[in-house]
């Protein structure tokens, strides 16, 4: 029981922390994702997922999750970024196949230059 309370407290702290970026999204909209990442001093995304549009050759949103891949489904804390410009699916596909959806330095560099259109946080 005690360990479950600790886990719940950690999740609540992480959600509160990440939610601040949504509340302050005016500081990030129109800027590169690297600005947001640099401001994330306490915790960084662990995985990144994409949502292809109907054409399936472009990406408009990415979901950054703050837990390992095994726990990325269900109630995982998610930072949803809508990009100003479409991202070619082939570029994202290459990274997710190479790094198995984990948010590595390659993803940090790749997404870091993309411009944020909107930010949403949910669980």
C-alpha atoms as a PDB file:
ATOM      1  CA  UNK A   1       0.000   0.000   0.000  1.00  0.00           C
ATOM      2  CA  UNK A   2       2.795   2.405   0.918  1.00  0.00           C
ATOM      3  CA  UNK A   3       4.557   1.988  -2.459  1.00  0.00           C
ATOM      4  CA  UNK A   4       1.282   2.625  -4.304  1.00  0.00           C
ATOM      5  CA  UNK A   5       0.954   5.938  -2.456  1.00  0.00           C
ATOM      6  CA  UNK A   6       4.472   6.891  -3.534  1.00  0.00           C
ATOM      7  CA  UNK A   7       3.731   5.999  -7.165  1.00  0.00           C
ATOM      8  CA  UNK A   8       0.487   8.018  -7.084  1.00  0.00           C
ATOM      9  CA  UNK A   9       2.333  11.003  -5.589  1.00  0.00           C
ATOM     10  CA  UNK A  10       5.024  10.781  -8.289  1.00  0.00           C
ATOM     11  CA  UNK A  11       2.381  10.665 -11.041  1.00  0.00           C
ATOM     12  CA  UNK A  12       0.566  13.627  -9.519  1.00  0.00           C
ATOM     13  CA  UNK A  13       3.830  15.596  -9.283  1.00  0.00           C
ATOM     14  CA  UNK A  14       4.742  14.758 -12.880  1.00  0.00           C
ATOM     15  CA  UNK A  15       1.288  15.724 -14.141  1.00  0.00           C
ATOM     16  CA  UNK A  16       1.391  19.028 -12.237  1.00  0.00           C
ATOM     17  CA  UNK A  17       4.858  19.751 -13.569  1.00  0.00           C
ATOM     18  CA  UNK A  18       4.035  18.982 -17.211  1.00  0.00           C
ATOM     19  CA  UNK A  19       0.661  20.771 -16.974  1.00  0.00           C
ATOM     20  CA  UNK A  20       2.553  24.024 -16.286  1.00  0.00           C
ATOM     21  CA  UNK A  21       3.861  23.952 -19.848  1.00  0.00           C
ATOM     22  CA  UNK A  22       0.302  23.835 -21.166  1.00  0.00           C
ATOM     23  CA  UNK A  23      -0.777  26.647 -18.824  1.00  0.00           C
ATOM     24  CA  UNK A  24       2.165  28.740 -20.035  1.00  0.00           C
ATOM     25  CA  UNK A  25       1.936  27.666 -23.678  1.00  0.00           C
ATOM     26  CA  UNK A  26       1.976  31.285 -24.850  1.00  0.00           C
ATOM     27  CA  UNK A  27       5.705  31.183 -24.000  1.00  0.00           C
ATOM     28  CA  UNK A  28       6.242  28.321 -26.479  1.00  0.00           C
ATOM     29  CA  UNK A  29       3.796  28.713 -29.368  1.00  0.00           C
ATOM     30  CA  UNK A  30       5.629  29.863 -32.473  1.00  0.00           C
ATOM     31  CA  UNK A  31       8.979  28.761 -31.047  1.00  0.00           C
ATOM     32  CA  UNK A  32      11.104  25.665 -31.646  1.00  0.00           C
ATOM     33  CA  UNK A  33      10.383  22.633 -29.471  1.00  0.00           C
ATOM     34  CA  UNK A  34      13.954  22.911 -28.161  1.00  0.00           C
ATOM     35  CA  UNK A  35      12.874  25.972 -26.134  1.00  0.00           C
ATOM     36  CA  UNK A  36      10.282  23.873 -24.320  1.00  0.00           C
ATOM     37  CA  UNK A  37      12.711  20.981 -23.854  1.00  0.00           C
ATOM     38  CA  UNK A  38      15.337  23.312 -22.403  1.00  0.00           C
ATOM     39  CA  UNK A  39      12.782  24.569 -19.865  1.00  0.00           C
ATOM     40  CA  UNK A  40      11.971  21.003 -18.810  1.00  0.00           C
ATOM     41  CA  UNK A  41      14.629  20.788 -16.134  1.00  0.00           C
ATOM     42  CA  UNK A  42      12.951  18.244 -13.822  1.00  0.00           C
ATOM     43  CA  UNK A  43      11.793  15.584 -16.261  1.00  0.00           C
ATOM     44  CA  UNK A  44      12.066  14.917 -20.001  1.00  0.00           C
ATOM     45  CA  UNK A  45       9.889  12.804 -22.285  1.00  0.00           C
ATOM     46  CA  UNK A  46      10.831   9.139 -22.428  1.00  0.00           C
ATOM     47  CA  UNK A  47       8.901   8.139 -25.541  1.00  0.00           C
ATOM     48  CA  UNK A  48       7.429   9.868 -28.576  1.00  0.00           C
ATOM     49  CA  UNK A  49       4.445   8.713 -30.617  1.00  0.00           C
ATOM     50  CA  UNK A  50       2.879  10.164 -33.737  1.00  0.00           C
ATOM     51  CA  UNK A  51      -0.566  10.550 -35.214  1.00  0.00           C
ATOM     52  CA  UNK A  52      -0.527  10.356 -39.017  1.00  0.00           C
ATOM     53  CA  UNK A  53      -3.171  12.231 -40.932  1.00  0.00           C
ATOM     54  CA  UNK A  54      -5.417  10.490 -43.442  1.00  0.00           C
ATOM     55  CA  UNK A  55      -2.869  10.865 -46.196  1.00  0.00           C
ATOM     56  CA  UNK A  56      -0.530   8.812 -43.952  1.00  0.00           C
ATOM     57  CA  UNK A  57       2.482  10.580 -45.330  1.00  0.00           C
ATOM     58  CA  UNK A  58       2.398  13.563 -42.972  1.00  0.00           C
ATOM     59  CA  UNK A  59       2.389  14.099 -39.224  1.00  0.00           C
ATOM     60  CA  UNK A  60       0.719  17.090 -37.553  1.00  0.00           C
ATOM     61  CA  UNK A  61       0.848  16.026 -33.893  1.00  0.00           C
ATOM     62  CA  UNK A  62       3.251  14.141 -31.662  1.00  0.00           C
ATOM     63  CA  UNK A  63       2.594  12.649 -28.230  1.00  0.00           C
ATOM     64  CA  UNK A  64       5.465  12.795 -25.768  1.00  0.00           C
ATOM     65  CA  UNK A  65       5.069  10.501 -22.784  1.00  0.00           C
ATOM     66  CA  UNK A  66       6.899  10.533 -19.476  1.00  0.00           C
ATOM     67  CA  UNK A  67       7.109   6.820 -18.805  1.00  0.00           C
ATOM     68  CA  UNK A  68       8.798   3.855 -20.417  1.00  0.00           C
ATOM     69  CA  UNK A  69       7.225   2.354 -23.507  1.00  0.00           C
ATOM     70  CA  UNK A  70       5.670  -0.533 -21.598  1.00  0.00           C
ATOM     71  CA  UNK A  71       3.555   1.932 -19.584  1.00  0.00           C
ATOM     72  CA  UNK A  72       2.848   4.442 -22.376  1.00  0.00           C
ATOM     73  CA  UNK A  73      -0.715   3.296 -22.896  1.00  0.00           C
ATOM     74  CA  UNK A  74      -3.812   3.967 -20.851  1.00  0.00           C
ATOM     75  CA  UNK A  75      -3.370   6.737 -18.312  1.00  0.00           C
ATOM     76  CA  UNK A  76       0.161   7.817 -19.172  1.00  0.00           C
ATOM     77  CA  UNK A  77       0.870  11.517 -18.835  1.00  0.00           C
ATOM     78  CA  UNK A  78       1.000  12.924 -22.344  1.00  0.00           C
ATOM     79  CA  UNK A  79       2.316  16.171 -23.765  1.00  0.00           C
ATOM     80  CA  UNK A  80       0.538  16.591 -27.100  1.00  0.00           C
ATOM     81  CA  UNK A  81       2.327  18.947 -29.467  1.00  0.00           C
ATOM     82  CA  UNK A  82       0.637  20.217 -32.599  1.00  0.00           C
ATOM     83  CA  UNK A  83       3.260  21.330 -35.077  1.00  0.00           C
ATOM     84  CA  UNK A  84       3.052  24.493 -37.156  1.00  0.00           C
ATOM     85  CA  UNK A  85       4.173  22.605 -40.266  1.00  0.00           C
ATOM     86  CA  UNK A  86       3.568  19.041 -41.314  1.00  0.00           C
ATOM     87  CA  UNK A  87       6.368  16.540 -40.694  1.00  0.00           C
ATOM     88  CA  UNK A  88       7.003  13.930 -43.389  1.00  0.00           C
ATOM     89  CA  UNK A  89       5.967  10.495 -42.158  1.00  0.00           C
ATOM     90  CA  UNK A  90       9.082   8.883 -43.640  1.00  0.00           C
ATOM     91  CA  UNK A  91      11.302  10.961 -41.323  1.00  0.00           C
ATOM     92  CA  UNK A  92       9.326  10.006 -38.219  1.00  0.00           C
ATOM     93  CA  UNK A  93       9.092   6.370 -39.342  1.00  0.00           C
ATOM     94  CA  UNK A  94      12.863   6.145 -39.669  1.00  0.00           C
ATOM     95  CA  UNK A  95      13.345   7.366 -36.088  1.00  0.00           C
ATOM     96  CA  UNK A  96      10.673   5.211 -34.472  1.00  0.00           C
ATOM     97  CA  UNK A  97      11.946   2.111 -36.253  1.00  0.00           C
ATOM     98  CA  UNK A  98      15.521   2.868 -35.260  1.00  0.00           C
ATOM     99  CA  UNK A  99      14.845   3.844 -31.633  1.00  0.00           C
ATOM    100  CA  UNK A 100      11.653   1.892 -30.892  1.00  0.00           C
ATOM    101  CA  UNK A 101       9.631   5.013 -29.967  1.00  0.00           C
ATOM    102  CA  UNK A 102      12.118   6.053 -27.262  1.00  0.00           C
ATOM    103  CA  UNK A 103      12.987   9.754 -27.061  1.00  0.00           C
ATOM    104  CA  UNK A 104      16.725   9.691 -27.686  1.00  0.00           C
ATOM    105  CA  UNK A 105      19.128  12.505 -28.525  1.00  0.00           C
ATOM    106  CA  UNK A 106      18.319  11.900 -32.197  1.00  0.00           C
ATOM    107  CA  UNK A 107      14.650  12.641 -31.551  1.00  0.00           C
ATOM    108  CA  UNK A 108      15.606  15.612 -29.408  1.00  0.00           C
ATOM    109  CA  UNK A 109      17.615  17.049 -32.304  1.00  0.00           C
ATOM    110  CA  UNK A 110      14.959  16.175 -34.895  1.00  0.00           C
ATOM    111  CA  UNK A 111      11.930  17.557 -33.037  1.00  0.00           C
ATOM    112  CA  UNK A 112      13.923  20.368 -31.443  1.00  0.00           C
ATOM    113  CA  UNK A 113      13.866  22.442 -34.614  1.00  0.00           C
ATOM    114  CA  UNK A 114      10.119  21.952 -35.236  1.00  0.00           C
ATOM    115  CA  UNK A 115       7.864  24.919 -34.446  1.00  0.00           C
ATOM    116  CA  UNK A 116       5.067  24.508 -31.900  1.00  0.00           C
ATOM    117  CA  UNK A 117       1.524  25.478 -32.903  1.00  0.00           C
ATOM    118  CA  UNK A 118      -0.260  24.235 -29.780  1.00  0.00           C
ATOM    119  CA  UNK A 119       0.315  22.348 -26.522  1.00  0.00           C
ATOM    120  CA  UNK A 120      -2.042  20.103 -24.596  1.00  0.00           C
ATOM    121  CA  UNK A 121      -1.395  17.905 -21.559  1.00  0.00           C
ATOM    122  CA  UNK A 122      -3.605  15.040 -20.446  1.00  0.00           C
ATOM    123  CA  UNK A 123      -3.642  11.750 -18.667  1.00  0.00           C
END
